[in-house]
Amino acid sequence: MSESKCVAVVFPGQGSQRPGMGKDFYDEIPVSRETFQEASDTLGWDVAAMCFGEDERLNLTQYTQPCILTTEIAMYRGLAQRYGFSAQCFGGHSLGEFTAFEAAGVMPLAQLLQIVQTRGRLMQQAVPVGVGGMAAVISQGLDAGQLKDLLKDLPLDLANINSANQIVISGQASAIPDAEKILTEALAGEKPFRYVKLNVSAPFHSRFMKPIAEPFLQTLKEVGTGLIPGNAPKVTSNFTGGFHPDSASEIIDNLVNQLSNAVRWRDNMQSLASRATEVYEIGPGRPLREFFKTIDVACQSITGLAAAEKVFGGAK
């Protein structure tokens, strides 16, 4: 891909889901409604009903992932149809990387939906519920290398290097309180320090996801037959921090490695910022906007049609 400037779109991942997400797009924009229908036809269950109702399964990983993917693509397509919006480079946080693949034309929606549903099921099965845990470490000027060193004797890994001010750790739930003591002692000095345990069902992006690498690899190879490597250099890789290569085998390796390694989101933002003239966040929540602020990049978040109207108005 040319290194020329582009409009960038980023997609949030798991944790951004909420009941009613995408319903305004579904109700008002035909292509968005068609996207939800395509997802339901592909997966064999009513995706729109789960997204719009009060179904508790929306927070179960194997349902959360295809629901977020569907909603984000329905929104992205809806913005294109209503406002003529388009982007040329893409990024996504964890699950959001798969949304970015669809938006960039790297793989078709039907295949990605099957892949992320399997991904969610495998991630949940990797560790029994209650055994794994995650926590966010929040302070100014965090050093990933220092955190890794401080935690080296604990069964914990860096899961998300989100910004200079936030790093998420992941691993055995029993070690989360020990990490809090170590990190508080080391980091809670003059700068504000927060340690927030996350409400998650598994230790995502940690060594404990390695057992599912092989079955997920097989899923990618068997289901992802529509992979178009030539479009992948438009999309940032959570695993490498830079843009994906034009190589099917390397793309697949990056997605498999993403499961058990840190999401290098800080690097992804820098990679996108090096090319982007504008950055938009599209999804049911807006966690990524705050991360972009830490690198002094403006990111406009579209979480619904009302927000889209404010940003794009009569753009088409």
Protein backbone atom coordinates (compact mmCIF):
# COMPACT_ATOMS: atom_id res chain seq x y z
CA MET A 1 0.00 0.00 0.00
CA SER A 2 1.10 3.55 -0.67
CA GLU A 3 2.42 5.45 2.33
CA SER A 4 0.28 8.44 1.28
CA LYS A 5 -2.06 10.07 3.78
CA CYS A 6 -5.40 8.43 4.48
CA VAL A 7 -8.60 8.61 6.49
CA ALA A 8 -8.34 6.02 9.28
CA VAL A 9 -11.09 4.07 11.02
CA VAL A 10 -10.59 2.14 14.25
CA PHE A 11 -12.94 -0.38 15.83
CA PRO A 12 -13.20 -1.17 19.57
CA GLY A 13 -13.32 -4.75 20.82
CA GLN A 14 -14.88 -6.79 23.58
CA GLY A 15 -16.19 -4.74 26.48
CA SER A 16 -17.77 -2.14 24.21
CA GLN A 17 -21.00 -4.15 23.80
CA ARG A 18 -24.29 -2.78 25.14
CA PRO A 19 -27.97 -3.70 24.75
CA GLY A 20 -29.52 -1.81 21.83
CA MET A 21 -26.25 -1.36 19.99
CA GLY A 22 -26.72 -0.63 16.31
CA LYS A 23 -30.52 -0.48 16.47
CA ASP A 24 -30.74 3.09 15.13
CA PHE A 25 -28.69 2.07 12.08
CA TYR A 26 -30.82 -1.07 11.67
CA ASP A 27 -34.05 0.92 11.82
CA GLU A 28 -33.05 3.69 9.42
CA ILE A 29 -30.43 2.45 6.94
CA PRO A 30 -31.18 -0.47 4.58
CA VAL A 31 -27.59 -1.74 4.23
CA SER A 32 -27.22 -1.86 8.01
CA ARG A 33 -30.39 -3.93 8.31
CA GLU A 34 -29.12 -6.23 5.55
CA THR A 35 -25.84 -6.67 7.45
CA PHE A 36 -27.63 -7.91 10.57
CA GLN A 37 -29.68 -10.27 8.41
CA GLU A 38 -26.53 -11.60 6.71
CA ALA A 39 -25.03 -12.29 10.13
CA SER A 40 -28.14 -14.14 11.31
CA ASP A 41 -28.26 -16.22 8.11
CA THR A 42 -24.57 -17.08 8.50
CA LEU A 43 -24.63 -18.03 12.18
CA GLY A 44 -28.09 -19.56 12.41
CA TRP A 45 -29.36 -17.37 15.25
CA ASP A 46 -30.97 -13.93 15.44
CA VAL A 47 -28.06 -11.53 15.88
CA ALA A 48 -30.26 -8.42 15.85
CA ALA A 49 -32.48 -9.79 18.63
CA MET A 50 -29.46 -10.48 20.81
CA CYS A 51 -27.96 -7.04 20.18
CA PHE A 52 -31.18 -5.10 20.69
CA GLY A 53 -32.81 -6.98 23.59
CA GLU A 54 -31.84 -7.74 27.17
CA ASP A 55 -30.32 -11.14 26.38
CA GLU A 56 -27.67 -11.97 28.99
CA ARG A 57 -25.79 -14.04 26.41
CA LEU A 58 -24.60 -10.77 24.86
CA ASN A 59 -21.86 -10.85 27.51
CA LEU A 60 -20.83 -14.46 26.79
CA THR A 61 -17.67 -14.32 24.71
CA GLN A 62 -18.80 -16.61 21.89
CA TYR A 63 -21.85 -14.37 21.32
CA THR A 64 -20.23 -11.04 22.23
CA GLN A 65 -17.64 -11.29 19.49
CA PRO A 66 -19.93 -11.87 16.47
CA CYS A 67 -22.43 -9.34 17.85
CA ILE A 68 -19.82 -6.59 18.08
CA LEU A 69 -18.39 -7.47 14.67
CA THR A 70 -21.85 -7.36 13.08
CA THR A 71 -22.77 -4.06 14.75
CA GLU A 72 -19.54 -2.35 13.74
CA ILE A 73 -19.77 -3.45 10.10
CA ALA A 74 -23.46 -2.49 9.99
CA MET A 75 -22.45 0.96 11.25
CA TYR A 76 -19.51 1.32 8.86
CA ARG A 77 -21.60 0.28 5.85
CA GLY A 78 -24.42 2.53 7.03
CA LEU A 79 -22.12 5.55 7.19
CA ALA A 80 -20.95 4.79 3.66
CA GLN A 81 -24.51 4.53 2.35
CA ARG A 82 -25.95 7.57 4.12
CA TYR A 83 -22.99 9.97 4.12
CA GLY A 84 -20.64 8.62 1.44
CA PHE A 85 -18.03 7.99 4.14
CA SER A 86 -14.97 5.92 3.28
CA ALA A 87 -11.60 5.12 4.82
CA GLN A 88 -8.30 3.90 3.44
CA CYS A 89 -6.51 2.59 6.54
CA PHE A 90 -7.86 0.63 9.45
CA GLY A 91 -7.16 -0.60 12.94
CA GLY A 92 -9.02 -2.52 15.62
CA HIS A 93 -8.46 -3.37 19.27
CA SER A 94 -8.31 -7.16 19.77
CA LEU A 95 -11.64 -8.37 18.33
CA GLY A 96 -11.81 -5.04 16.48
CA GLU A 97 -8.91 -6.16 14.29
CA PHE A 98 -11.31 -8.66 12.67
CA THR A 99 -13.81 -5.87 12.00
CA ALA A 100 -10.99 -3.91 10.39
CA PHE A 101 -10.29 -6.89 8.11
CA GLU A 102 -13.84 -6.80 6.78
CA ALA A 103 -13.89 -3.04 6.36
CA ALA A 104 -10.58 -3.17 4.46
CA GLY A 105 -11.72 -6.02 2.19
CA VAL A 106 -9.25 -8.55 3.62
CA MET A 107 -11.89 -11.21 4.31
CA PRO A 108 -15.68 -11.43 3.77
CA LEU A 109 -18.09 -10.88 6.65
CA ALA A 110 -19.62 -14.38 6.61
CA GLN A 111 -16.22 -16.02 7.09
CA LEU A 112 -15.13 -13.55 9.77
CA LEU A 113 -18.34 -14.11 11.72
CA GLN A 114 -17.74 -17.86 11.84
CA ILE A 115 -14.11 -17.30 12.79
CA VAL A 116 -14.83 -14.92 15.68
CA GLN A 117 -17.67 -17.07 17.03
CA THR A 118 -15.22 -19.99 17.18
CA ARG A 119 -12.53 -17.69 18.57
CA GLY A 120 -14.84 -16.60 21.39
CA ARG A 121 -15.80 -20.19 22.21
CA LEU A 122 -12.16 -21.32 22.25
CA MET A 123 -11.07 -18.39 24.41
CA GLN A 124 -13.76 -19.19 26.97
CA GLN A 125 -12.90 -22.89 26.99
CA ALA A 126 -9.15 -22.30 27.40
CA VAL A 127 -9.45 -21.62 31.13
CA PRO A 128 -12.29 -22.55 33.53
CA VAL A 129 -14.44 -19.61 34.60
CA GLY A 130 -13.00 -18.00 37.74
CA VAL A 131 -9.44 -19.27 37.22
CA GLY A 132 -8.32 -16.36 35.03
CA GLY A 133 -8.45 -12.63 35.63
CA MET A 134 -7.39 -9.26 34.25
CA ALA A 135 -6.66 -5.85 35.73
CA ALA A 136 -5.93 -2.39 34.35
CA VAL A 137 -2.89 -0.52 35.61
CA ILE A 138 -3.47 3.24 35.25
CA SER A 139 -0.81 5.86 35.82
CA GLN A 140 1.16 8.45 33.88
CA GLY A 141 4.13 7.39 31.77
CA LEU A 142 3.86 3.64 32.27
CA ASP A 143 6.84 1.61 31.07
CA ALA A 144 5.82 -1.80 29.66
CA GLY A 145 9.30 -3.22 30.21
CA GLN A 146 9.29 -2.17 33.86
CA LEU A 147 5.86 -3.74 34.45
CA LYS A 148 6.93 -6.97 32.80
CA ASP A 149 10.00 -7.11 35.03
CA LEU A 150 8.03 -6.36 38.19
CA LEU A 151 5.60 -9.20 37.41
CA LYS A 152 8.15 -11.74 36.12
CA ASP A 153 7.69 -14.13 39.06
CA LEU A 154 3.89 -14.15 38.80
CA PRO A 155 1.69 -16.13 36.35
CA LEU A 156 0.64 -12.86 34.71
CA ASP A 157 1.37 -11.23 31.34
CA LEU A 158 0.90 -7.82 29.73
CA ALA A 159 -2.33 -8.15 27.76
CA ASN A 160 -3.03 -4.67 26.35
CA ILE A 161 -0.46 -1.91 26.03
CA ASN A 162 -3.17 0.66 25.44
CA SER A 163 -1.39 3.96 26.00
CA ALA A 164 1.33 5.66 28.01
CA ASN A 165 -1.19 5.78 30.85
CA GLN A 166 -2.87 2.36 30.74
CA ILE A 167 -1.62 -1.23 30.54
CA VAL A 168 -3.83 -4.26 31.18
CA ILE A 169 -2.39 -7.40 32.78
CA SER A 170 -3.83 -10.90 32.45
CA GLY A 171 -3.34 -14.37 33.90
CA GLN A 172 -4.22 -16.39 37.00
CA ALA A 173 -6.93 -14.69 39.05
CA SER A 174 -5.21 -15.73 42.28
CA ALA A 175 -2.17 -13.63 41.33
CA ILE A 176 -4.10 -10.41 40.63
CA PRO A 177 -4.01 -9.23 44.31
CA ASP A 178 -0.28 -10.03 44.54
CA ALA A 179 0.34 -7.90 41.45
CA GLU A 180 -1.61 -5.05 43.00
CA LYS A 181 0.70 -5.06 46.05
CA ILE A 182 3.87 -5.18 43.94
CA LEU A 183 2.77 -2.49 41.50
CA THR A 184 1.33 -0.19 44.15
CA GLU A 185 4.60 -0.32 46.07
CA ALA A 186 6.66 0.33 42.93
CA LEU A 187 4.50 2.88 41.13
CA ALA A 188 2.21 4.67 43.59
CA GLY A 189 4.53 7.56 44.40
CA GLU A 190 4.01 11.16 43.40
CA LYS A 191 1.94 10.29 40.31
CA PRO A 192 -1.70 9.16 40.59
CA PHE A 193 -2.02 5.37 40.47
CA ARG A 194 -5.08 3.17 39.97
CA TYR A 195 -5.44 -0.61 39.78
CA VAL A 196 -8.80 -1.77 38.44
CA LYS A 197 -9.85 -5.42 38.34
CA LEU A 198 -11.78 -6.11 35.16
CA ASN A 199 -15.04 -8.02 34.93
CA VAL A 200 -13.94 -10.65 32.42
CA SER A 201 -14.53 -14.37 32.10
CA ALA A 202 -11.05 -15.42 30.93
CA PRO A 203 -7.42 -14.20 30.91
CA PHE A 204 -7.34 -12.88 27.34
CA HIS A 205 -4.02 -12.15 25.58
CA SER A 206 -1.96 -14.17 28.04
CA ARG A 207 0.08 -17.39 28.05
CA PHE A 208 -3.09 -19.20 29.11
CA MET A 209 -4.51 -18.79 25.60
CA LYS A 210 -1.66 -20.79 24.01
CA PRO A 211 -3.53 -24.15 24.17
CA ILE A 212 -6.10 -22.82 21.68
CA ALA A 213 -3.52 -21.65 19.13
CA GLU A 214 -3.64 -24.84 17.07
CA PRO A 215 -7.45 -25.19 16.84
CA PHE A 216 -7.75 -21.48 16.01
CA LEU A 217 -5.09 -21.83 13.32
CA GLN A 218 -7.10 -24.66 11.79
CA THR A 219 -10.25 -22.53 11.92
CA LEU A 220 -8.51 -19.68 10.10
CA LYS A 221 -7.24 -22.03 7.40
CA GLU A 222 -10.50 -23.92 6.95
CA VAL A 223 -12.95 -21.01 7.18
CA GLY A 224 -10.87 -18.06 5.97
CA THR A 225 -10.65 -19.17 2.36
CA GLY A 226 -11.63 -15.70 1.12
CA LEU A 227 -8.49 -14.05 2.52
CA ILE A 228 -7.15 -11.33 0.19
CA PRO A 229 -3.58 -10.65 1.40
CA GLY A 230 -3.16 -7.66 -0.89
CA ASN A 231 -5.60 -5.63 1.22
CA ALA A 232 -4.01 -6.50 4.58
CA PRO A 233 -1.33 -3.74 4.49
CA LYS A 234 -4.19 -1.27 5.07
CA VAL A 235 -4.75 -2.80 8.54
CA THR A 236 -2.60 -2.61 11.68
CA SER A 237 -1.63 -5.81 13.49
CA ASN A 238 -2.16 -5.96 17.25
CA PHE A 239 0.67 -8.51 17.48
CA THR A 240 3.40 -6.63 15.59
CA GLY A 241 2.25 -3.05 16.22
CA GLY A 242 2.71 -2.12 12.55
CA PHE A 243 0.68 -2.80 9.42
CA HIS A 244 0.03 -6.36 8.26
CA PRO A 245 2.20 -7.70 5.43
CA ASP A 246 0.98 -8.83 2.01
CA SER A 247 1.47 -12.49 2.97
CA ALA A 248 -1.30 -14.98 3.79
CA SER A 249 0.88 -17.11 6.08
CA GLU A 250 2.18 -14.09 8.04
CA ILE A 251 -1.31 -12.61 8.38
CA ILE A 252 -2.61 -15.87 9.82
CA ASP A 253 0.39 -16.15 12.16
CA ASN A 254 -0.28 -12.59 13.40
CA LEU A 255 -3.91 -13.42 14.20
CA VAL A 256 -2.98 -16.63 16.02
CA ASN A 257 -0.23 -14.89 18.01
CA GLN A 258 -2.65 -12.11 18.93
CA LEU A 259 -4.50 -14.59 21.17
CA SER A 260 -1.67 -15.11 23.67
CA ASN A 261 0.40 -11.95 23.29
CA ALA A 262 -0.04 -8.29 24.19
CA VAL A 263 -2.24 -6.07 22.04
CA ARG A 264 0.27 -3.39 21.07
CA TRP A 265 -2.35 -0.69 20.70
CA ARG A 266 -0.01 2.18 21.50
CA ASP A 267 2.14 1.11 18.52
CA ASN A 268 -0.98 0.64 16.37
CA MET A 269 -2.03 4.22 17.09
CA GLN A 270 1.42 5.54 16.17
CA SER A 271 1.38 3.52 12.93
CA LEU A 272 -2.03 4.88 11.97
CA ALA A 273 -1.15 8.43 13.01
CA SER A 274 1.89 8.34 10.71
CA ARG A 275 -0.48 8.04 7.73
CA ALA A 276 -3.83 9.41 8.81
CA THR A 277 -5.18 12.90 8.21
CA GLU A 278 -8.31 12.05 10.24
CA VAL A 279 -9.17 9.23 12.66
CA TYR A 280 -12.69 7.96 13.37
CA GLU A 281 -13.75 5.38 15.95
CA ILE A 282 -16.83 3.39 14.91
CA GLY A 283 -18.57 1.05 17.34
CA PRO A 284 -21.04 0.72 20.22
CA GLY A 285 -18.58 2.27 22.70
CA ARG A 286 -15.74 4.78 22.49
CA PRO A 287 -12.75 3.53 24.55
CA LEU A 288 -10.19 4.20 21.81
CA ARG A 289 -10.75 7.96 21.60
CA GLU A 290 -9.18 8.48 25.03
CA PHE A 291 -6.12 6.44 24.06
CA PHE A 292 -5.55 8.60 20.97
CA LYS A 293 -5.60 11.70 23.18
CA THR A 294 -2.47 10.40 24.91
CA ILE A 295 -0.52 10.71 21.64
CA ASP A 296 -2.11 14.09 20.84
CA VAL A 297 -4.22 12.75 17.97
CA ALA A 298 -7.87 13.77 17.60
CA CYS A 299 -10.23 10.81 17.17
CA GLN A 300 -13.93 11.38 16.52
CA SER A 301 -16.17 8.63 17.90
CA ILE A 302 -19.36 7.44 16.18
CA THR A 303 -21.44 5.35 18.58
CA GLY A 304 -24.84 5.98 17.00
CA LEU A 305 -26.67 7.86 14.27
CA ALA A 306 -27.03 11.01 16.37
CA ALA A 307 -23.25 11.20 16.71
CA ALA A 308 -22.84 10.49 12.99
CA GLU A 309 -25.20 13.33 12.10
CA LYS A 310 -23.17 15.74 14.22
CA VAL A 311 -19.92 14.68 12.56
CA PHE A 312 -21.02 14.18 8.95
CA GLY A 313 -24.33 16.04 8.64
CA GLY A 314 -25.24 16.32 4.97
CA ALA A 315 -21.80 15.14 3.85
CA LYS A 316 -23.01 13.07 0.90
